[in-house]
Amino acid sequence: MIPKENIIKILKKIKDPESEQSLYDLQIVKHIDYKEEEKELIITLDFNRRMPNCIGCKPVAWMVQKKIAEYLENDFFEFEEVKQIDFKYS
């Protein structure tokens, strides 16, 4: 398993493209589980507070969410004990 301090370091390093605040400060990542046998990391994200009401703005918000997931994948795949990452949205 990845040490908790490394997880926190990653969450503090990755910035939300819109606000430039860290994922740690925004509390976007709600939970991280690890299935050791499968070497799978399951990351639960909460973007509900950040979803705009404007229907035309939602595609932009989805693109930002996708970019954040890509940043998380890039950083967590650097650990040899992670072979797969799955995202859940709450």
N, C-alpha and C. Protein backbone atom coordinates (compact mmCIF):
# COMPACT_ATOMS: atom_id res chain seq x y z
N MET A 1 0.84 -1.20 0.00
CA MET A 1 0.00 0.00 0.00
C MET A 1 0.87 1.24 0.00
N ILE A 2 0.36 2.29 -0.57
CA ILE A 2 1.07 3.56 -0.63
C ILE A 2 0.97 4.24 0.74
N PRO A 3 2.09 4.69 1.28
CA PRO A 3 2.04 5.37 2.58
C PRO A 3 1.13 6.61 2.54
N LYS A 4 0.42 6.83 3.63
CA LYS A 4 -0.53 7.94 3.72
C LYS A 4 0.13 9.29 3.42
N GLU A 5 1.35 9.48 3.89
CA GLU A 5 2.03 10.76 3.65
C GLU A 5 2.30 10.99 2.16
N ASN A 6 2.51 9.91 1.40
CA ASN A 6 2.69 10.05 -0.05
C ASN A 6 1.38 10.42 -0.73
N ILE A 7 0.29 9.84 -0.26
CA ILE A 7 -1.03 10.17 -0.81
C ILE A 7 -1.33 11.64 -0.56
N ILE A 8 -1.10 12.09 0.65
CA ILE A 8 -1.36 13.50 0.98
C ILE A 8 -0.48 14.42 0.15
N LYS A 9 0.76 14.03 -0.05
CA LYS A 9 1.68 14.84 -0.86
C LYS A 9 1.15 14.99 -2.29
N ILE A 10 0.64 13.91 -2.86
CA ILE A 10 0.07 13.96 -4.21
C ILE A 10 -1.16 14.86 -4.23
N LEU A 11 -2.05 14.71 -3.25
CA LEU A 11 -3.28 15.52 -3.22
C LEU A 11 -2.98 16.99 -3.00
N LYS A 12 -1.90 17.30 -2.31
CA LYS A 12 -1.51 18.71 -2.12
C LYS A 12 -0.82 19.26 -3.36
N LYS A 13 -0.19 18.40 -4.13
CA LYS A 13 0.55 18.83 -5.32
C LYS A 13 -0.38 19.13 -6.50
N ILE A 14 -1.41 18.30 -6.67
CA ILE A 14 -2.30 18.45 -7.82
C ILE A 14 -3.27 19.60 -7.56
N LYS A 15 -3.30 20.51 -8.51
CA LYS A 15 -4.15 21.70 -8.39
C LYS A 15 -5.37 21.59 -9.30
N ASP A 16 -6.47 22.11 -8.80
CA ASP A 16 -7.67 22.26 -9.61
C ASP A 16 -7.37 23.30 -10.68
N PRO A 17 -7.57 22.99 -11.97
CA PRO A 17 -7.24 23.94 -13.03
C PRO A 17 -8.00 25.27 -12.96
N GLU A 18 -9.18 25.26 -12.36
CA GLU A 18 -9.97 26.49 -12.28
C GLU A 18 -9.55 27.39 -11.13
N SER A 19 -9.41 26.82 -9.95
CA SER A 19 -9.17 27.64 -8.76
C SER A 19 -7.70 27.70 -8.35
N GLU A 20 -6.89 26.78 -8.89
CA GLU A 20 -5.48 26.67 -8.51
C GLU A 20 -5.29 26.24 -7.05
N GLN A 21 -6.36 25.75 -6.42
CA GLN A 21 -6.25 25.20 -5.08
C GLN A 21 -5.96 23.71 -5.20
N SER A 22 -5.34 23.15 -4.19
CA SER A 22 -5.00 21.73 -4.23
C SER A 22 -6.24 20.87 -4.03
N LEU A 23 -6.16 19.64 -4.54
CA LEU A 23 -7.25 18.69 -4.32
C LEU A 23 -7.43 18.42 -2.84
N TYR A 24 -6.33 18.47 -2.11
CA TYR A 24 -6.37 18.27 -0.66
C TYR A 24 -7.20 19.37 0.01
N ASP A 25 -6.93 20.62 -0.35
CA ASP A 25 -7.65 21.74 0.25
C ASP A 25 -9.13 21.75 -0.16
N LEU A 26 -9.41 21.38 -1.39
CA LEU A 26 -10.79 21.37 -1.88
C LEU A 26 -11.57 20.14 -1.42
N GLN A 27 -10.87 19.16 -0.91
CA GLN A 27 -11.48 17.91 -0.44
C GLN A 27 -12.30 17.21 -1.53
N ILE A 28 -11.75 17.21 -2.73
CA ILE A 28 -12.41 16.55 -3.86
C ILE A 28 -12.27 15.03 -3.75
N VAL A 29 -11.13 14.57 -3.27
CA VAL A 29 -10.93 13.14 -3.08
C VAL A 29 -11.52 12.76 -1.72
N LYS A 30 -12.56 11.96 -1.76
CA LYS A 30 -13.28 11.60 -0.54
C LYS A 30 -12.73 10.35 0.12
N HIS A 31 -12.26 9.42 -0.70
CA HIS A 31 -11.81 8.14 -0.14
C HIS A 31 -10.89 7.45 -1.14
N ILE A 32 -9.90 6.74 -0.62
CA ILE A 32 -9.01 5.93 -1.46
C ILE A 32 -8.95 4.54 -0.84
N ASP A 33 -9.28 3.54 -1.66
CA ASP A 33 -9.19 2.14 -1.24
C ASP A 33 -8.13 1.46 -2.10
N TYR A 34 -7.57 0.39 -1.55
CA TYR A 34 -6.56 -0.36 -2.29
C TYR A 34 -6.87 -1.84 -2.17
N LYS A 35 -7.02 -2.51 -3.32
CA LYS A 35 -7.19 -3.95 -3.34
C LYS A 35 -5.83 -4.55 -3.65
N GLU A 36 -5.23 -5.11 -2.63
CA GLU A 36 -3.85 -5.58 -2.75
C GLU A 36 -3.70 -6.70 -3.77
N GLU A 37 -4.61 -7.64 -3.77
CA GLU A 37 -4.49 -8.78 -4.69
C GLU A 37 -4.50 -8.33 -6.15
N GLU A 38 -5.38 -7.39 -6.48
CA GLU A 38 -5.48 -6.89 -7.86
C GLU A 38 -4.53 -5.73 -8.14
N LYS A 39 -3.92 -5.21 -7.08
CA LYS A 39 -3.07 -4.00 -7.18
C LYS A 39 -3.87 -2.85 -7.79
N GLU A 40 -5.11 -2.72 -7.29
CA GLU A 40 -6.03 -1.73 -7.81
C GLU A 40 -6.29 -0.64 -6.77
N LEU A 41 -6.20 0.59 -7.23
CA LEU A 41 -6.50 1.75 -6.40
C LEU A 41 -7.89 2.24 -6.80
N ILE A 42 -8.76 2.43 -5.84
CA ILE A 42 -10.11 2.93 -6.10
C ILE A 42 -10.22 4.30 -5.44
N ILE A 43 -10.40 5.31 -6.26
CA ILE A 43 -10.43 6.70 -5.78
C ILE A 43 -11.85 7.23 -5.92
N THR A 44 -12.43 7.65 -4.80
CA THR A 44 -13.77 8.23 -4.81
C THR A 44 -13.65 9.75 -4.83
N LEU A 45 -14.24 10.34 -5.85
CA LEU A 45 -14.19 11.79 -6.05
C LEU A 45 -15.57 12.40 -5.85
N ASP A 46 -15.59 13.62 -5.33
CA ASP A 46 -16.85 14.34 -5.14
C ASP A 46 -16.76 15.68 -5.85
N PHE A 47 -17.42 15.74 -7.01
CA PHE A 47 -17.46 16.99 -7.77
C PHE A 47 -18.83 17.66 -7.67
N ASN A 48 -19.74 17.09 -6.87
CA ASN A 48 -21.10 17.62 -6.80
C ASN A 48 -21.15 19.09 -6.40
N ARG A 49 -20.34 19.47 -5.45
CA ARG A 49 -20.34 20.87 -5.01
C ARG A 49 -19.83 21.81 -6.10
N ARG A 50 -19.12 21.25 -7.05
CA ARG A 50 -18.48 22.07 -8.08
C ARG A 50 -19.21 22.03 -9.41
N MET A 51 -20.30 21.28 -9.49
CA MET A 51 -21.02 21.15 -10.75
C MET A 51 -21.89 22.39 -10.96
N PRO A 52 -21.66 23.09 -12.07
CA PRO A 52 -22.44 24.32 -12.33
C PRO A 52 -23.89 24.00 -12.69
N ASN A 53 -24.76 24.98 -12.45
CA ASN A 53 -26.17 24.84 -12.81
C ASN A 53 -26.39 25.12 -14.29
N CYS A 54 -25.52 25.87 -14.88
CA CYS A 54 -25.64 26.24 -16.30
C CYS A 54 -25.39 25.02 -17.18
N ILE A 55 -26.37 24.68 -18.01
CA ILE A 55 -26.23 23.48 -18.86
C ILE A 55 -25.07 23.62 -19.84
N GLY A 56 -24.80 24.81 -20.29
CA GLY A 56 -23.69 25.03 -21.22
C GLY A 56 -22.33 24.93 -20.55
N CYS A 57 -22.30 25.09 -19.24
CA CYS A 57 -21.03 25.02 -18.49
C CYS A 57 -20.65 23.60 -18.09
N LYS A 58 -21.62 22.70 -18.09
CA LYS A 58 -21.36 21.33 -17.63
C LYS A 58 -20.28 20.61 -18.45
N PRO A 59 -20.27 20.75 -19.79
CA PRO A 59 -19.19 20.08 -20.54
C PRO A 59 -17.79 20.55 -20.12
N VAL A 60 -17.67 21.83 -19.81
CA VAL A 60 -16.38 22.36 -19.35
C VAL A 60 -16.02 21.74 -18.00
N ALA A 61 -17.01 21.64 -17.11
CA ALA A 61 -16.78 21.04 -15.80
C ALA A 61 -16.36 19.58 -15.94
N TRP A 62 -16.97 18.86 -16.87
CA TRP A 62 -16.60 17.45 -17.11
C TRP A 62 -15.16 17.35 -17.62
N MET A 63 -14.77 18.28 -18.47
CA MET A 63 -13.39 18.27 -18.98
C MET A 63 -12.40 18.52 -17.85
N VAL A 64 -12.74 19.44 -16.96
CA VAL A 64 -11.87 19.71 -15.81
C VAL A 64 -11.78 18.46 -14.92
N GLN A 65 -12.90 17.80 -14.69
CA GLN A 65 -12.91 16.58 -13.88
C GLN A 65 -12.05 15.50 -14.52
N LYS A 66 -12.16 15.36 -15.83
CA LYS A 66 -11.35 14.37 -16.55
C LYS A 66 -9.86 14.67 -16.40
N LYS A 67 -9.51 15.93 -16.49
CA LYS A 67 -8.11 16.34 -16.37
C LYS A 67 -7.58 16.03 -14.96
N ILE A 68 -8.39 16.29 -13.95
CA ILE A 68 -7.99 15.98 -12.56
C ILE A 68 -7.76 14.47 -12.42
N ALA A 69 -8.66 13.66 -12.99
CA ALA A 69 -8.49 12.20 -12.93
C ALA A 69 -7.19 11.78 -13.63
N GLU A 70 -6.86 12.41 -14.75
CA GLU A 70 -5.61 12.11 -15.46
C GLU A 70 -4.40 12.45 -14.59
N TYR A 71 -4.44 13.59 -13.92
CA TYR A 71 -3.32 13.97 -13.03
C TYR A 71 -3.14 12.92 -11.93
N LEU A 72 -4.27 12.48 -11.33
CA LEU A 72 -4.20 11.48 -10.28
C LEU A 72 -3.62 10.17 -10.81
N GLU A 73 -4.08 9.75 -11.98
CA GLU A 73 -3.54 8.52 -12.59
C GLU A 73 -2.04 8.63 -12.80
N ASN A 74 -1.61 9.72 -13.38
CA ASN A 74 -0.18 9.89 -13.66
C ASN A 74 0.67 9.77 -12.40
N ASP A 75 0.23 10.39 -11.33
CA ASP A 75 1.02 10.36 -10.10
C ASP A 75 0.95 9.02 -9.39
N PHE A 76 -0.22 8.39 -9.34
CA PHE A 76 -0.34 7.13 -8.62
C PHE A 76 0.23 5.94 -9.38
N PHE A 77 0.27 6.02 -10.71
CA PHE A 77 0.87 4.93 -11.48
C PHE A 77 2.39 4.88 -11.32
N GLU A 78 2.97 5.89 -10.71
CA GLU A 78 4.41 5.87 -10.45
C GLU A 78 4.77 4.85 -9.37
N PHE A 79 3.80 4.42 -8.58
CA PHE A 79 4.03 3.43 -7.54
C PHE A 79 3.88 2.03 -8.15
N GLU A 80 4.88 1.19 -7.97
CA GLU A 80 4.84 -0.14 -8.57
C GLU A 80 3.72 -1.01 -8.01
N GLU A 81 3.21 -0.69 -6.83
CA GLU A 81 2.12 -1.49 -6.28
C GLU A 81 0.75 -1.10 -6.83
N VAL A 82 0.71 -0.17 -7.80
CA VAL A 82 -0.55 0.22 -8.44
C VAL A 82 -0.49 -0.16 -9.92
N LYS A 83 -1.36 -1.08 -10.30
CA LYS A 83 -1.43 -1.53 -11.70
C LYS A 83 -2.73 -1.09 -12.37
N GLN A 84 -3.71 -0.73 -11.55
CA GLN A 84 -5.00 -0.33 -12.09
C GLN A 84 -5.60 0.74 -11.17
N ILE A 85 -6.29 1.70 -11.79
CA ILE A 85 -6.97 2.74 -11.01
C ILE A 85 -8.41 2.83 -11.51
N ASP A 86 -9.32 2.85 -10.56
CA ASP A 86 -10.74 2.97 -10.86
C ASP A 86 -11.27 4.18 -10.11
N PHE A 87 -12.09 4.97 -10.77
CA PHE A 87 -12.67 6.16 -10.13
C PHE A 87 -14.15 5.93 -9.88
N LYS A 88 -14.58 6.34 -8.69
CA LYS A 88 -16.00 6.37 -8.33
C LYS A 88 -16.35 7.82 -8.07
N TYR A 89 -17.58 8.16 -8.38
CA TYR A 89 -18.03 9.53 -8.17
C TYR A 89 -19.20 9.52 -7.20
N SER A 90 -19.09 10.36 -6.16
CA SER A 90 -20.16 10.40 -5.16
C SER A 90 -20.97 11.66 -5.32
